[in-house]
N, C-alpha and C. Protein backbone atom coordinates (compact mmCIF):
# COMPACT_ATOMS: atom_id res chain seq x y z
N MET A 1 32.50 -55.35 -89.47
CA MET A 1 31.42 -55.04 -90.23
C MET A 1 30.66 -56.31 -90.11
N ALA A 2 29.30 -56.26 -89.81
CA ALA A 2 28.41 -57.38 -89.36
C ALA A 2 28.03 -57.83 -90.83
N LYS A 3 27.71 -59.31 -90.78
CA LYS A 3 27.37 -59.91 -92.04
C LYS A 3 25.77 -59.65 -91.99
N GLU A 4 25.15 -59.67 -93.22
CA GLU A 4 23.92 -59.58 -93.42
C GLU A 4 23.41 -60.60 -94.55
N LYS A 5 22.19 -61.25 -94.17
CA LYS A 5 21.67 -62.36 -95.07
C LYS A 5 21.07 -61.64 -96.16
N LEU A 6 21.59 -62.04 -97.27
CA LEU A 6 21.11 -61.44 -98.62
C LEU A 6 19.96 -62.43 -99.24
N PHE A 7 20.16 -63.55 -99.18
CA PHE A 7 19.20 -64.55 -99.59
C PHE A 7 19.67 -66.07 -99.05
N SER A 8 18.62 -66.98 -99.32
CA SER A 8 18.92 -68.35 -98.80
C SER A 8 18.63 -69.43 -99.88
N VAL A 9 19.29 -70.54 -99.68
CA VAL A 9 19.07 -71.59 -100.53
C VAL A 9 18.31 -72.66 -99.73
N THR A 10 17.15 -72.96 -99.95
CA THR A 10 16.42 -74.02 -99.12
C THR A 10 16.25 -75.25 -99.91
N LYS A 11 15.42 -76.15 -99.28
CA LYS A 11 15.12 -77.59 -99.79
C LYS A 11 14.31 -77.35 -101.23
N LYS A 12 13.52 -76.25 -101.23
CA LYS A 12 12.67 -75.90 -102.24
C LYS A 12 13.17 -75.59 -103.40
N ASP A 13 14.51 -75.09 -103.26
CA ASP A 13 15.35 -74.76 -104.38
C ASP A 13 16.12 -76.00 -105.06
N LEU A 14 16.10 -77.14 -104.35
CA LEU A 14 16.78 -78.35 -104.75
C LEU A 14 15.96 -79.35 -105.27
N VAL A 15 16.38 -80.25 -106.19
CA VAL A 15 15.83 -81.75 -106.43
C VAL A 15 16.85 -82.58 -105.82
N ILE A 16 16.31 -83.41 -104.92
CA ILE A 16 17.15 -84.39 -104.25
C ILE A 16 16.71 -85.87 -104.62
N GLU A 17 17.68 -86.56 -105.17
CA GLU A 17 17.43 -87.81 -106.00
C GLU A 17 18.12 -88.97 -105.38
N TYR A 18 17.53 -90.11 -104.85
CA TYR A 18 18.29 -91.21 -104.31
C TYR A 18 18.23 -92.39 -105.32
N PHE A 19 19.42 -93.04 -105.52
CA PHE A 19 19.51 -94.18 -106.46
C PHE A 19 20.39 -95.24 -106.03
N SER A 20 20.22 -96.38 -106.57
CA SER A 20 21.15 -97.46 -106.36
C SER A 20 22.63 -97.25 -106.66
N GLY A 21 23.71 -97.42 -105.81
CA GLY A 21 24.88 -97.29 -106.19
C GLY A 21 25.37 -98.26 -107.31
N THR A 22 26.54 -97.83 -107.96
CA THR A 22 27.00 -98.60 -108.95
C THR A 22 28.54 -99.08 -108.62
N GLY A 23 28.98 -99.98 -109.24
CA GLY A 23 30.39 -100.61 -109.05
C GLY A 23 30.38 -101.48 -107.99
N ALA A 24 31.69 -101.95 -107.41
CA ALA A 24 31.83 -102.88 -106.45
C ALA A 24 31.27 -102.51 -105.10
N GLY A 25 30.94 -103.43 -104.29
CA GLY A 25 30.20 -102.97 -102.98
C GLY A 25 29.21 -104.21 -102.50
N GLY A 26 28.85 -104.97 -103.43
CA GLY A 26 28.01 -106.24 -102.91
C GLY A 26 26.62 -105.76 -102.94
N GLN A 27 25.88 -106.90 -102.30
CA GLN A 27 24.36 -106.75 -102.27
C GLN A 27 23.90 -105.46 -101.78
N HIS A 28 24.45 -104.85 -100.54
CA HIS A 28 23.91 -103.70 -99.97
C HIS A 28 23.90 -102.57 -100.88
N ARG A 29 25.05 -102.34 -101.47
CA ARG A 29 25.07 -101.20 -102.51
C ARG A 29 24.10 -101.29 -103.76
N ASN A 30 23.80 -102.46 -104.02
CA ASN A 30 23.02 -102.61 -105.22
C ASN A 30 21.58 -102.85 -104.96
N ARG A 31 21.19 -103.04 -103.67
CA ARG A 31 19.77 -103.13 -103.48
C ARG A 31 19.27 -101.96 -102.77
N HIS A 32 20.01 -101.08 -102.18
CA HIS A 32 19.50 -99.93 -101.48
C HIS A 32 19.62 -98.67 -102.22
N LYS A 33 18.71 -97.71 -102.02
CA LYS A 33 18.92 -96.36 -102.70
C LYS A 33 19.58 -95.55 -101.76
N ASN A 34 20.83 -95.61 -101.42
CA ASN A 34 21.66 -94.86 -100.60
C ASN A 34 22.23 -93.72 -101.22
N SER A 35 22.62 -93.87 -102.54
CA SER A 35 23.50 -92.77 -103.25
C SER A 35 22.51 -91.71 -103.55
N CYS A 36 23.11 -90.40 -103.57
CA CYS A 36 22.28 -89.26 -103.63
C CYS A 36 22.78 -88.24 -104.83
N ARG A 37 21.99 -87.62 -105.31
CA ARG A 37 22.23 -86.56 -106.20
C ARG A 37 21.42 -85.41 -105.97
N VAL A 38 22.02 -84.23 -105.84
CA VAL A 38 21.45 -82.89 -105.44
C VAL A 38 21.59 -81.97 -106.55
N LYS A 39 20.44 -81.57 -106.89
CA LYS A 39 20.49 -80.47 -108.20
C LYS A 39 19.95 -78.99 -107.75
N HIS A 40 20.72 -77.97 -107.97
CA HIS A 40 20.23 -76.86 -107.51
C HIS A 40 19.59 -76.20 -108.97
N LEU A 41 18.42 -76.00 -108.97
CA LEU A 41 17.58 -75.64 -110.26
C LEU A 41 17.98 -74.34 -111.05
N GLU A 42 18.25 -73.37 -110.12
CA GLU A 42 18.47 -72.09 -110.62
C GLU A 42 19.85 -72.12 -111.20
N SER A 43 20.74 -72.57 -110.77
CA SER A 43 22.17 -72.48 -111.31
C SER A 43 22.55 -73.63 -112.16
N GLY A 44 21.82 -74.76 -111.91
CA GLY A 44 22.16 -76.00 -112.80
C GLY A 44 23.27 -76.85 -112.13
N ALA A 45 23.76 -76.58 -110.92
CA ALA A 45 24.90 -77.24 -110.27
C ALA A 45 24.35 -78.62 -109.89
N ILE A 46 25.14 -79.58 -109.95
CA ILE A 46 24.86 -80.86 -109.25
C ILE A 46 25.88 -81.41 -108.77
N GLY A 47 25.69 -82.08 -107.53
CA GLY A 47 26.58 -82.84 -106.65
C GLY A 47 26.04 -84.07 -106.54
N THR A 48 26.96 -85.10 -106.59
CA THR A 48 26.47 -86.67 -106.24
C THR A 48 27.48 -87.32 -105.45
N CYS A 49 26.99 -88.26 -104.55
CA CYS A 49 27.82 -88.91 -103.76
C CYS A 49 27.16 -90.42 -103.57
N GLN A 50 28.07 -91.47 -103.64
CA GLN A 50 27.77 -92.72 -103.43
C GLN A 50 28.83 -93.37 -102.67
N ASP A 51 29.51 -92.72 -101.77
CA ASP A 51 30.86 -93.08 -101.27
C ASP A 51 30.63 -93.77 -99.89
N GLN A 52 29.43 -93.45 -99.25
CA GLN A 52 29.12 -93.86 -97.98
C GLN A 52 27.97 -94.98 -98.04
N ARG A 53 27.90 -95.80 -96.90
CA ARG A 53 26.60 -96.73 -96.87
C ARG A 53 25.44 -95.85 -96.37
N SER A 54 25.57 -94.72 -95.79
CA SER A 54 24.46 -94.09 -95.10
C SER A 54 23.84 -92.92 -96.09
N LYS A 55 22.52 -93.09 -96.22
CA LYS A 55 21.96 -92.13 -97.00
C LYS A 55 22.06 -90.90 -96.69
N LEU A 56 22.15 -90.48 -95.28
CA LEU A 56 22.31 -89.16 -94.68
C LEU A 56 23.65 -88.69 -95.02
N GLN A 57 24.55 -89.38 -94.80
CA GLN A 57 25.82 -88.86 -95.05
C GLN A 57 26.04 -88.75 -96.56
N ASN A 58 25.59 -89.56 -97.40
CA ASN A 58 25.73 -89.35 -98.92
C ASN A 58 25.06 -87.97 -99.28
N THR A 59 23.85 -87.78 -98.64
CA THR A 59 23.17 -86.46 -98.82
C THR A 59 23.94 -85.12 -98.42
N LYS A 60 24.61 -85.12 -97.22
CA LYS A 60 25.23 -84.22 -96.71
C LYS A 60 26.62 -83.90 -97.87
N ILE A 61 27.34 -84.95 -98.10
CA ILE A 61 28.31 -84.67 -99.00
C ILE A 61 27.89 -84.42 -100.40
N ALA A 62 26.78 -84.83 -100.90
CA ALA A 62 26.34 -84.46 -102.33
C ALA A 62 25.99 -82.84 -102.19
N PHE A 63 25.28 -82.35 -101.15
CA PHE A 63 25.15 -81.02 -100.93
C PHE A 63 26.35 -80.22 -100.97
N ARG A 64 27.32 -80.55 -100.21
CA ARG A 64 28.61 -79.91 -100.11
C ARG A 64 29.21 -79.85 -101.50
N ARG A 65 29.16 -80.99 -102.20
CA ARG A 65 29.87 -80.90 -103.48
C ARG A 65 29.21 -79.97 -104.55
N MET A 66 27.66 -79.97 -104.58
CA MET A 66 27.02 -79.08 -105.28
C MET A 66 27.35 -77.65 -104.83
N ALA A 67 27.39 -77.34 -103.50
CA ALA A 67 27.67 -76.03 -103.07
C ALA A 67 29.07 -75.25 -103.43
N GLU A 68 29.96 -76.31 -103.57
CA GLU A 68 31.41 -76.10 -104.05
C GLU A 68 31.73 -75.96 -105.49
N SER A 69 30.63 -76.37 -106.10
CA SER A 69 30.95 -76.63 -107.71
C SER A 69 31.02 -75.08 -108.29
N ASP A 70 31.72 -74.97 -109.40
CA ASP A 70 31.90 -73.69 -110.08
C ASP A 70 30.60 -73.10 -110.54
N LYS A 71 29.67 -73.80 -110.92
CA LYS A 71 28.38 -73.24 -111.49
C LYS A 71 27.73 -72.67 -110.25
N PHE A 72 27.88 -73.36 -109.11
CA PHE A 72 26.83 -72.73 -108.04
C PHE A 72 27.60 -71.66 -107.62
N GLN A 73 29.05 -71.50 -107.51
CA GLN A 73 29.69 -70.33 -107.10
C GLN A 73 29.60 -69.13 -107.79
N LYS A 74 29.78 -69.39 -109.20
CA LYS A 74 29.25 -68.26 -110.32
C LYS A 74 27.92 -67.71 -109.97
N TRP A 75 26.70 -68.56 -109.88
CA TRP A 75 25.51 -68.22 -109.60
C TRP A 75 25.26 -67.52 -108.31
N LEU A 76 26.03 -67.84 -107.13
CA LEU A 76 26.26 -67.26 -105.99
C LEU A 76 26.74 -65.68 -105.96
N ARG A 77 27.76 -65.58 -106.83
CA ARG A 77 28.23 -64.32 -106.96
C ARG A 77 27.34 -63.30 -107.65
N ILE A 78 26.67 -63.87 -108.68
CA ILE A 78 25.71 -63.08 -109.33
C ILE A 78 24.44 -62.54 -108.59
N GLU A 79 24.08 -63.71 -107.78
CA GLU A 79 22.83 -63.53 -106.82
C GLU A 79 23.47 -62.37 -105.73
N ALA A 80 24.46 -62.42 -105.15
CA ALA A 80 25.06 -61.51 -104.27
C ALA A 80 25.09 -60.17 -104.86
N ALA A 81 25.61 -60.00 -106.10
CA ALA A 81 25.60 -58.60 -106.68
C ALA A 81 24.34 -58.15 -107.06
N ARG A 82 23.33 -59.04 -107.40
CA ARG A 82 21.98 -58.48 -107.73
C ARG A 82 21.42 -58.08 -106.27
N ALA A 83 21.61 -58.66 -105.23
CA ALA A 83 21.09 -58.24 -103.94
C ALA A 83 21.63 -57.15 -103.43
N THR A 84 22.63 -56.78 -103.69
CA THR A 84 23.36 -55.60 -102.91
C THR A 84 23.33 -54.40 -103.94
N GLY A 85 22.84 -54.67 -105.21
CA GLY A 85 22.67 -53.54 -106.09
C GLY A 85 24.01 -53.40 -107.10
N GLU A 86 25.07 -54.25 -106.93
CA GLU A 86 26.18 -53.87 -107.54
C GLU A 86 26.05 -54.34 -109.11
N LEU A 87 25.16 -55.33 -109.38
CA LEU A 87 24.87 -55.79 -110.73
C LEU A 87 24.38 -54.61 -111.61
N GLU A 88 23.60 -53.85 -111.10
CA GLU A 88 23.13 -52.61 -112.03
C GLU A 88 24.36 -51.79 -112.24
N GLN A 89 25.31 -51.47 -111.29
CA GLN A 89 26.45 -50.67 -111.53
C GLN A 89 27.43 -51.32 -112.50
N ILE A 90 27.43 -52.64 -112.42
CA ILE A 90 28.35 -53.37 -113.37
C ILE A 90 27.71 -53.03 -114.80
N LYS A 91 26.46 -53.28 -114.90
CA LYS A 91 25.74 -53.28 -116.28
C LYS A 91 26.16 -51.90 -116.86
N LYS A 92 25.81 -50.93 -115.99
CA LYS A 92 25.91 -49.52 -116.53
C LYS A 92 27.43 -49.11 -116.92
N ARG A 93 28.41 -49.71 -116.15
CA ARG A 93 29.86 -49.54 -116.54
C ARG A 93 30.18 -50.26 -117.92
N ILE A 94 29.50 -51.53 -118.09
CA ILE A 94 29.80 -52.25 -119.13
C ILE A 94 29.25 -51.55 -120.56
N ASP A 95 27.92 -50.94 -120.25
CA ASP A 95 27.50 -50.06 -121.32
C ASP A 95 28.24 -48.92 -121.78
N ARG A 96 28.67 -48.22 -120.69
CA ARG A 96 29.73 -46.99 -120.83
C ARG A 96 30.88 -47.39 -121.71
N GLU A 97 31.52 -48.49 -121.35
CA GLU A 97 32.61 -49.06 -121.90
C GLU A 97 32.52 -49.49 -123.55
N LEU A 98 31.21 -50.15 -123.60
CA LEU A 98 31.08 -50.43 -124.96
C LEU A 98 30.75 -49.21 -125.86
N GLU A 99 30.06 -48.11 -125.39
CA GLU A 99 30.02 -47.02 -126.08
C GLU A 99 31.30 -46.41 -126.66
N THR A 100 32.42 -46.38 -125.74
CA THR A 100 33.52 -45.84 -126.25
C THR A 100 34.54 -46.70 -126.86
N MET A 101 34.39 -47.95 -126.56
CA MET A 101 35.33 -49.04 -127.14
C MET A 101 35.05 -49.72 -128.35
N VAL A 102 33.55 -49.78 -128.77
CA VAL A 102 33.06 -50.61 -129.70
C VAL A 102 32.66 -49.59 -130.88
N LYS A 103 32.95 -49.79 -132.12
CA LYS A 103 32.67 -49.04 -133.25
C LYS A 103 31.60 -49.84 -134.10
N GLU A 104 30.42 -49.23 -134.28
CA GLU A 104 29.41 -49.99 -135.01
C GLU A 104 29.18 -49.49 -136.44
N GLU A 105 29.49 -50.29 -137.29
CA GLU A 105 29.51 -49.87 -138.68
C GLU A 105 28.41 -50.83 -139.45
N VAL A 106 27.77 -50.14 -140.46
CA VAL A 106 26.84 -51.03 -141.34
C VAL A 106 27.26 -50.76 -142.86
N GLN A 107 26.84 -51.69 -143.55
CA GLN A 107 27.17 -51.58 -144.91
C GLN A 107 26.11 -50.87 -145.85
N VAL A 108 26.39 -49.88 -146.42
CA VAL A 108 25.45 -48.94 -147.28
C VAL A 108 26.12 -48.78 -148.52
N ASP A 109 25.37 -49.38 -149.55
CA ASP A 109 25.68 -49.17 -151.08
C ASP A 109 27.09 -49.69 -151.13
N GLY A 110 27.45 -50.79 -150.49
CA GLY A 110 28.83 -51.67 -150.64
C GLY A 110 29.92 -50.95 -149.88
N LYS A 111 29.54 -49.99 -149.08
CA LYS A 111 30.63 -49.35 -148.45
C LYS A 111 30.31 -49.42 -146.80
N TRP A 112 31.34 -49.43 -145.92
CA TRP A 112 31.02 -49.63 -144.63
C TRP A 112 31.08 -48.06 -143.99
N VAL A 113 30.07 -47.81 -143.23
CA VAL A 113 29.94 -46.39 -142.60
C VAL A 113 29.59 -46.58 -141.19
N LYS A 114 29.94 -45.61 -140.38
CA LYS A 114 29.59 -45.52 -139.08
C LYS A 114 27.97 -45.62 -138.87
N LYS A 115 27.47 -46.28 -137.88
CA LYS A 115 26.13 -46.44 -137.73
C LYS A 115 25.27 -45.14 -137.73
N GLU A 116 25.89 -43.99 -137.17
CA GLU A 116 25.19 -42.73 -136.89
C GLU A 116 24.98 -41.98 -138.43
N GLU A 117 26.17 -42.21 -139.21
CA GLU A 117 26.12 -41.60 -140.65
C GLU A 117 24.95 -42.23 -141.42
N GLU A 118 24.79 -43.63 -141.09
CA GLU A 118 23.83 -44.27 -142.06
C GLU A 118 22.38 -43.71 -142.07
N ARG A 119 22.00 -42.94 -140.87
CA ARG A 119 20.49 -42.34 -140.79
C ARG A 119 20.41 -41.16 -141.73
């Protein structure tokens, strides 16, 4: 089965911030803004990296960490379900299950009665 592109994550969907590294490493680490933080706005996932001396390498690693985070993976599954139409099927199934599994009651004159009987 051939893969189909459902949606894409572009640079427009991200906030990329560069900052000075912290901790040991000397003047180069403290003077240069080589550390990177990548935020995905829709999912709230964040990836950071200050391991390398190179800004480009830190950016790649931060993006990879953001993409592998639990928040991003959950968002990805929801978006894929939405794009394929599975999300609507799931919502309908949940509604059917709630109708059969959940009993709604309200308090009328100090007694609990089924919601349909209240009317």
